[in-house]
Amino acid sequence: MSPITVVEGRRLSLTNLDKVLYPGTGTTKGEVLHYCTTTAGPLLSHLRDRPLSFLRYPDGPDGQRFFTKNVPPGAPSWVKTCEVPHSTSGPTRQVLLQDLPSLVWAANLVVELHTPQWRCRAPGIADRLVFDLDPGAPATIVECCTAAQWLHDRLAADGLEVHAKTSGAKGLHLVVPVEPVPAERTTAYAKALAVEAAAALPELVVHKMTKTLRPGKVFIDFSQNAAAKTTAAAYTLRARDTPTVSAPVTWDEIADCTDPQQLTFLFDEIAPRLARHGDLLAPLLDPDRARPLPAARPSRARATPQRSRSARNSP
């Protein structure tokens, strides 16, 4: 019989707690649930009001993996959902994780958590801008850090504040709080900056997804700003051989990175980082930190990726 636990008054049946989900470390499902509960504060804050897409991997990263946006069968009636419009299939319902019981329920399914750049009350109206920096081997996250610094300075020149986290896989995510604007505009702006970065750093950056262009370079993926696209959420576990996390990082850590292991964080490293830094992405939750997206096409002026130590310490 599966153990029953009560979380904030909600009864939950938890299954297979001793199953090893991450063979590289022997991490069990029970340990994954413990991580989600102990990180629930910042994790839930970045999920709030955003419809969830799940990458499910119930037998670990080497087993079957499947992506779903629909509410999973058997979801408790108290798990909140929202209607999400779709241009072709009509509206669907997706999960909202608004509280600890809902998070534990989802964690028991074994999922990566992915969110759009908009909230359910305003579908397609983005309040975040995102760049996914994806290295093509033999490039690594080290090369992503150089591209990230260029983008930091270029965005700052447009009056925008940028924050960073690891993807939890190979690269980096840069996230910018913006005043609400249609996703078409954030996508167009992000594409323009990706093209500009490729022109400024031609030996390092590509802005096209074509696989033959990507070996040894950093692909700046701007497409995740589209209303229908999603990005791995901050603090989510990833379906990898080891329990890596999409972890917020400082600009000093990015500037000082010379080895990919410096920006690879396992789930048991997140609590000490939160104790030391707090939630580095907390400014994303403050609407007063959002800035308007530039109305005109970004200038062609090139920012330099080299900055002083004081500049690196800026938000």
Protein backbone atom coordinates (compact mmCIF):
# COMPACT_ATOMS: atom_id res chain seq x y z
CA MET A 1 0.00 0.00 0.00
CA SER A 2 1.29 3.46 -0.91
CA PRO A 3 1.93 5.70 2.08
CA ILE A 4 -0.60 8.45 2.70
CA THR A 5 0.68 11.81 3.84
CA VAL A 6 -1.22 14.96 4.76
CA VAL A 7 0.20 18.21 3.40
CA GLU A 8 -1.47 21.37 4.64
CA GLY A 9 -4.71 19.44 5.13
CA ARG A 10 -4.60 17.65 1.77
CA ARG A 11 -4.29 13.84 1.70
CA LEU A 12 -1.77 12.52 -0.83
CA SER A 13 -0.79 9.00 -1.81
CA LEU A 14 2.97 8.87 -2.47
CA THR A 15 4.30 5.99 -4.55
CA ASN A 16 7.61 4.17 -5.02
CA LEU A 17 9.59 6.41 -2.68
CA ASP A 18 12.60 4.06 -2.77
CA LYS A 19 12.80 3.96 -6.58
CA VAL A 20 16.14 5.26 -7.90
CA LEU A 21 15.39 8.03 -10.38
CA TYR A 22 18.94 9.30 -10.94
CA PRO A 23 21.33 6.40 -11.53
CA GLY A 24 24.41 8.63 -11.53
CA THR A 25 23.94 9.44 -7.85
CA GLY A 26 21.48 6.79 -6.66
CA THR A 27 18.98 9.54 -5.85
CA THR A 28 15.55 8.18 -4.97
CA LYS A 29 12.07 9.49 -5.56
CA GLY A 30 11.72 10.14 -1.83
CA GLU A 31 14.77 12.42 -1.97
CA VAL A 32 13.28 14.24 -4.95
CA LEU A 33 10.08 14.88 -2.99
CA HIS A 34 12.13 16.11 -0.04
CA TYR A 35 13.98 18.56 -2.33
CA CYS A 36 10.71 19.93 -3.68
CA THR A 37 9.26 20.48 -0.22
CA THR A 38 12.38 22.16 1.17
CA THR A 39 12.68 24.42 -1.90
CA ALA A 40 8.95 25.06 -2.18
CA GLY A 41 9.12 28.75 -1.21
CA PRO A 42 11.19 30.09 -4.11
CA LEU A 43 10.07 27.34 -6.50
CA LEU A 44 6.37 28.11 -6.06
CA SER A 45 6.96 31.86 -6.27
CA HIS A 46 8.29 31.47 -9.83
CA LEU A 47 5.49 29.09 -10.81
CA ARG A 48 2.62 31.17 -9.44
CA ASP A 49 -0.16 31.89 -11.94
CA ARG A 50 1.79 30.33 -14.83
CA PRO A 51 0.22 27.34 -16.62
CA LEU A 52 2.51 24.33 -16.33
CA SER A 53 3.82 21.99 -18.95
CA PHE A 54 5.28 18.76 -17.59
CA LEU A 55 8.14 16.71 -18.95
CA ARG A 56 7.41 13.42 -17.21
CA TYR A 57 10.07 10.78 -16.59
CA PRO A 58 8.50 8.37 -14.07
CA ASP A 59 11.23 5.73 -14.49
CA GLY A 60 14.14 8.16 -14.48
CA PRO A 61 15.94 9.88 -17.37
CA ASP A 62 16.77 6.58 -19.07
CA GLY A 63 13.14 5.48 -19.15
CA GLN A 64 10.18 6.78 -21.10
CA ARG A 65 9.92 10.56 -21.24
CA PHE A 66 6.91 12.46 -22.53
CA PHE A 67 5.81 16.08 -22.61
CA THR A 68 2.28 17.04 -21.65
CA LYS A 69 0.38 20.29 -21.25
CA ASN A 70 -3.02 18.80 -20.41
CA VAL A 71 -4.09 18.19 -16.82
CA PRO A 72 -2.94 14.63 -15.99
CA PRO A 73 -5.67 12.02 -15.45
CA GLY A 74 -6.53 11.54 -11.79
CA ALA A 75 -5.44 15.01 -10.72
CA PRO A 76 -7.08 15.92 -7.38
CA SER A 77 -10.03 18.26 -7.66
CA TRP A 78 -8.24 20.79 -5.45
CA VAL A 79 -5.32 21.22 -7.88
CA LYS A 80 -5.98 24.53 -9.59
CA THR A 81 -6.08 24.77 -13.37
CA CYS A 82 -6.54 27.48 -15.95
CA GLU A 83 -7.93 27.63 -19.46
CA VAL A 84 -5.28 28.27 -22.08
CA PRO A 85 -6.24 29.31 -25.62
CA HIS A 86 -4.74 27.52 -28.61
CA SER A 87 -5.00 28.81 -32.16
CA THR A 88 -5.59 25.40 -33.75
CA SER A 89 -7.03 22.97 -31.21
CA GLY A 90 -9.15 25.35 -29.18
CA PRO A 91 -8.79 26.06 -25.44
CA THR A 92 -7.31 23.47 -23.10
CA ARG A 93 -6.80 23.31 -19.34
CA GLN A 94 -3.38 23.27 -17.74
CA VAL A 95 -2.20 22.86 -14.17
CA LEU A 96 -1.34 25.76 -11.87
CA LEU A 97 0.93 24.91 -8.93
CA GLN A 98 -0.13 27.47 -6.35
CA ASP A 99 0.58 25.72 -3.05
CA LEU A 100 2.65 23.03 -1.36
CA PRO A 101 0.12 20.17 -1.66
CA SER A 102 -0.13 20.73 -5.41
CA LEU A 103 3.66 20.81 -5.73
CA VAL A 104 4.04 17.54 -3.82
CA TRP A 105 1.34 15.95 -6.01
CA ALA A 106 3.21 17.03 -9.16
CA ALA A 107 6.58 15.92 -7.77
CA ASN A 108 5.11 12.47 -7.10
CA LEU A 109 4.47 12.22 -10.87
CA VAL A 110 8.22 12.89 -11.46
CA VAL A 111 8.27 15.94 -13.70
CA GLU A 112 10.35 18.76 -15.05
CA LEU A 113 8.39 22.00 -14.70
CA HIS A 114 8.16 24.34 -17.69
CA THR A 115 6.37 27.70 -17.83
CA PRO A 116 5.55 30.31 -20.48
CA GLN A 117 6.66 33.91 -20.13
CA TRP A 118 3.11 35.03 -19.30
CA ARG A 119 0.53 34.46 -16.55
CA CYS A 120 -2.85 32.79 -16.87
CA ARG A 121 -4.78 36.01 -16.33
CA ALA A 122 -3.26 37.47 -19.52
CA PRO A 123 -2.46 34.70 -22.01
CA GLY A 124 0.18 35.72 -24.53
CA ILE A 125 1.02 38.96 -22.71
CA ALA A 126 4.62 38.51 -21.59
CA ASP A 127 6.03 39.92 -18.37
CA ARG A 128 9.41 38.27 -18.95
CA LEU A 129 11.89 38.11 -21.78
CA VAL A 130 14.13 35.05 -22.03
CA PHE A 131 17.25 33.98 -23.89
CA ASP A 132 18.25 30.31 -23.89
CA LEU A 133 21.99 30.02 -24.49
CA ASP A 134 22.69 26.53 -25.81
CA PRO A 135 26.30 25.45 -26.50
CA GLY A 136 27.13 23.18 -29.40
CA ALA A 137 29.94 20.75 -28.55
CA PRO A 138 32.81 21.20 -28.04
CA ALA A 139 31.56 24.54 -26.68
CA THR A 140 30.24 24.42 -23.10
CA ILE A 141 28.60 26.69 -20.58
CA VAL A 142 31.96 28.51 -20.36
CA GLU A 143 31.38 29.92 -23.85
CA CYS A 144 27.78 30.66 -22.90
CA CYS A 145 29.10 32.90 -20.13
CA THR A 146 30.94 35.12 -22.64
CA ALA A 147 27.79 35.46 -24.74
CA ALA A 148 25.77 36.13 -21.56
CA GLN A 149 28.02 39.01 -20.56
CA TRP A 150 27.63 40.56 -24.01
CA LEU A 151 23.85 40.29 -23.74
CA HIS A 152 23.91 41.68 -20.18
CA ASP A 153 25.63 44.83 -21.37
CA ARG A 154 23.50 45.16 -24.49
CA LEU A 155 20.27 44.82 -22.50
CA ALA A 156 21.55 47.29 -19.89
CA ALA A 157 22.11 49.79 -22.71
CA ASP A 158 18.38 49.53 -23.39
CA GLY A 159 17.57 50.08 -19.72
CA LEU A 160 16.71 46.44 -19.00
CA GLU A 161 17.73 44.41 -15.95
CA VAL A 162 18.85 40.86 -16.66
CA HIS A 163 19.13 37.85 -14.34
CA ALA A 164 20.72 34.49 -15.00
CA LYS A 165 20.25 30.85 -14.14
CA THR A 166 21.72 27.64 -15.40
CA SER A 167 19.46 25.61 -17.63
CA GLY A 168 20.26 22.56 -15.53
CA ALA A 169 21.38 20.87 -18.75
CA LYS A 170 24.23 22.39 -20.79
CA GLY A 171 23.65 26.12 -20.98
CA LEU A 172 22.32 29.32 -19.44
CA HIS A 173 18.99 31.12 -19.32
CA LEU A 174 18.87 34.91 -19.16
CA VAL A 175 15.59 36.34 -17.86
CA VAL A 176 14.50 39.98 -18.05
CA PRO A 177 11.46 41.48 -16.28
CA VAL A 178 9.47 43.65 -18.68
CA GLU A 179 6.27 45.61 -18.49
CA PRO A 180 3.47 43.48 -19.95
CA VAL A 181 3.63 43.37 -23.73
CA PRO A 182 2.39 40.95 -26.43
CA ALA A 183 4.70 37.97 -26.86
CA GLU A 184 5.15 38.87 -30.53
CA ARG A 185 7.04 41.97 -29.44
CA THR A 186 9.30 40.23 -26.95
CA THR A 187 10.06 37.60 -29.58
CA ALA A 188 10.93 40.23 -32.20
CA TYR A 189 13.13 42.15 -29.76
CA ALA A 190 14.94 39.02 -28.58
CA LYS A 191 15.51 37.93 -32.19
CA ALA A 192 16.99 41.34 -33.05
CA LEU A 193 19.44 41.09 -30.15
CA ALA A 194 20.37 37.51 -31.06
CA VAL A 195 21.13 38.62 -34.62
CA GLU A 196 23.14 41.54 -33.27
CA ALA A 197 25.10 39.28 -30.94
CA ALA A 198 25.92 36.94 -33.82
CA ALA A 199 27.23 39.90 -35.81
CA ALA A 200 29.28 41.20 -32.88
CA LEU A 201 30.67 37.77 -31.89
CA PRO A 202 30.72 35.80 -35.17
CA GLU A 203 33.25 33.24 -33.94
CA LEU A 204 31.18 32.50 -30.85
CA VAL A 205 27.44 33.03 -31.45
CA VAL A 206 24.81 31.84 -33.90
CA HIS A 207 21.17 32.89 -33.95
CA LYS A 208 19.89 30.22 -36.34
CA MET A 209 18.81 26.77 -35.17
CA THR A 210 20.49 25.01 -38.12
CA LYS A 211 22.49 22.20 -36.56
CA THR A 212 25.39 22.44 -39.01
CA LEU A 213 26.07 26.01 -37.83
CA ARG A 214 26.17 25.18 -34.14
CA PRO A 215 29.26 23.01 -33.38
CA GLY A 216 31.67 24.96 -31.18
CA LYS A 217 29.32 27.93 -30.91
CA VAL A 218 26.57 29.25 -28.65
CA PHE A 219 23.09 29.21 -30.12
CA ILE A 220 21.01 32.09 -28.74
CA ASP A 221 17.50 30.70 -28.79
CA PHE A 222 15.02 33.58 -28.78
CA SER A 223 12.05 31.44 -29.82
CA GLN A 224 11.04 30.59 -26.24
CA ASN A 225 9.49 34.05 -26.04
CA ALA A 226 6.68 32.90 -28.37
CA ALA A 227 3.36 32.62 -26.55
CA ALA A 228 3.12 28.87 -27.18
CA LYS A 229 6.66 28.09 -25.98
CA THR A 230 7.91 27.31 -22.47
CA THR A 231 11.19 27.35 -20.55
CA ALA A 232 12.38 25.17 -17.67
CA ALA A 233 11.39 26.91 -14.45
CA ALA A 234 13.85 28.16 -11.88
CA TYR A 235 14.71 25.48 -9.30
CA THR A 236 13.16 22.63 -11.29
CA LEU A 237 15.02 19.33 -11.37
CA ARG A 238 16.03 18.15 -14.83
CA ALA A 239 15.74 14.69 -16.38
CA ARG A 240 19.48 14.03 -16.52
CA ASP A 241 21.74 11.24 -15.30
CA THR A 242 22.29 13.24 -12.10
CA PRO A 243 19.77 15.49 -10.28
CA THR A 244 20.86 18.81 -11.75
CA VAL A 245 18.79 21.92 -11.11
CA SER A 246 18.03 25.04 -13.13
CA ALA A 247 19.80 27.21 -10.57
CA PRO A 248 20.05 31.01 -10.32
CA VAL A 249 23.62 32.28 -10.49
CA THR A 250 25.41 35.57 -9.86
CA TRP A 251 27.12 37.65 -12.51
CA ASP A 252 30.39 37.17 -10.64
CA GLU A 253 29.99 33.41 -11.04
CA ILE A 254 29.38 33.88 -14.75
CA ALA A 255 32.38 36.18 -15.15
CA ASP A 256 34.67 33.80 -13.25
CA CYS A 257 33.56 30.55 -14.92
CA THR A 258 36.41 28.64 -16.54
CA ASP A 259 35.09 25.08 -16.11
CA PRO A 260 31.56 23.72 -16.71
CA GLN A 261 31.53 22.10 -13.27
CA GLN A 262 31.62 25.54 -11.67
CA LEU A 263 28.07 26.13 -12.93
CA THR A 264 26.65 22.63 -12.48
CA PHE A 265 24.46 22.39 -9.39
CA LEU A 266 22.89 19.26 -7.93
CA PHE A 267 19.74 19.34 -5.84
CA ASP A 268 21.57 19.07 -2.52
CA GLU A 269 23.52 22.26 -3.30
CA ILE A 270 20.45 24.47 -3.62
CA ALA A 271 19.60 24.87 0.08
CA PRO A 272 23.13 26.13 0.92
CA ARG A 273 22.98 28.51 -2.05
CA LEU A 274 19.63 29.88 -0.89
CA ALA A 275 21.04 30.34 2.60
CA ARG A 276 24.03 32.20 1.19
CA HIS A 277 22.44 34.26 -1.61
CA GLY A 278 18.70 34.14 -1.02
CA ASP A 279 16.63 33.84 -4.18
CA LEU A 280 18.76 35.54 -6.83
CA LEU A 281 15.72 35.74 -9.10
CA ALA A 282 13.50 37.44 -6.52
CA PRO A 283 13.65 40.76 -8.46
CA LEU A 284 11.64 39.06 -11.21
CA LEU A 285 8.73 38.89 -8.77
CA ASP A 286 8.69 42.64 -8.12
CA PRO A 287 6.57 44.44 -10.75
CA ASP A 288 8.38 47.68 -9.94
CA ARG A 289 11.59 46.17 -11.39
CA ALA A 290 9.99 45.65 -14.80
CA ARG A 291 10.94 48.12 -17.53
CA PRO A 292 9.26 48.89 -20.85
CA LEU A 293 10.50 47.06 -23.90
CA PRO A 294 12.17 49.53 -26.28
CA ALA A 295 9.64 50.68 -28.85
CA ALA A 296 12.15 51.12 -31.64
CA ARG A 297 14.41 48.47 -33.13
CA PRO A 298 17.52 48.05 -30.95
CA SER A 299 20.50 50.12 -31.97
CA ARG A 300 23.43 48.44 -33.73
CA ALA A 301 25.91 49.74 -31.17
CA ARG A 302 27.98 46.92 -29.80
CA ALA A 303 28.47 46.46 -26.10
CA THR A 304 31.74 45.04 -24.88
CA PRO A 305 31.58 41.86 -22.80
CA GLN A 306 34.36 43.02 -20.51
CA ARG A 307 33.15 44.84 -17.43
CA SER A 308 34.60 46.07 -14.21
CA ARG A 309 34.14 44.13 -10.98
CA SER A 310 31.67 46.76 -9.76
CA ALA A 311 29.59 46.31 -12.92
CA ARG A 312 29.55 42.56 -12.41
CA ASN A 313 27.93 43.06 -9.03
CA SER A 314 24.99 44.92 -10.49
CA PRO A 315 21.60 43.12 -10.43
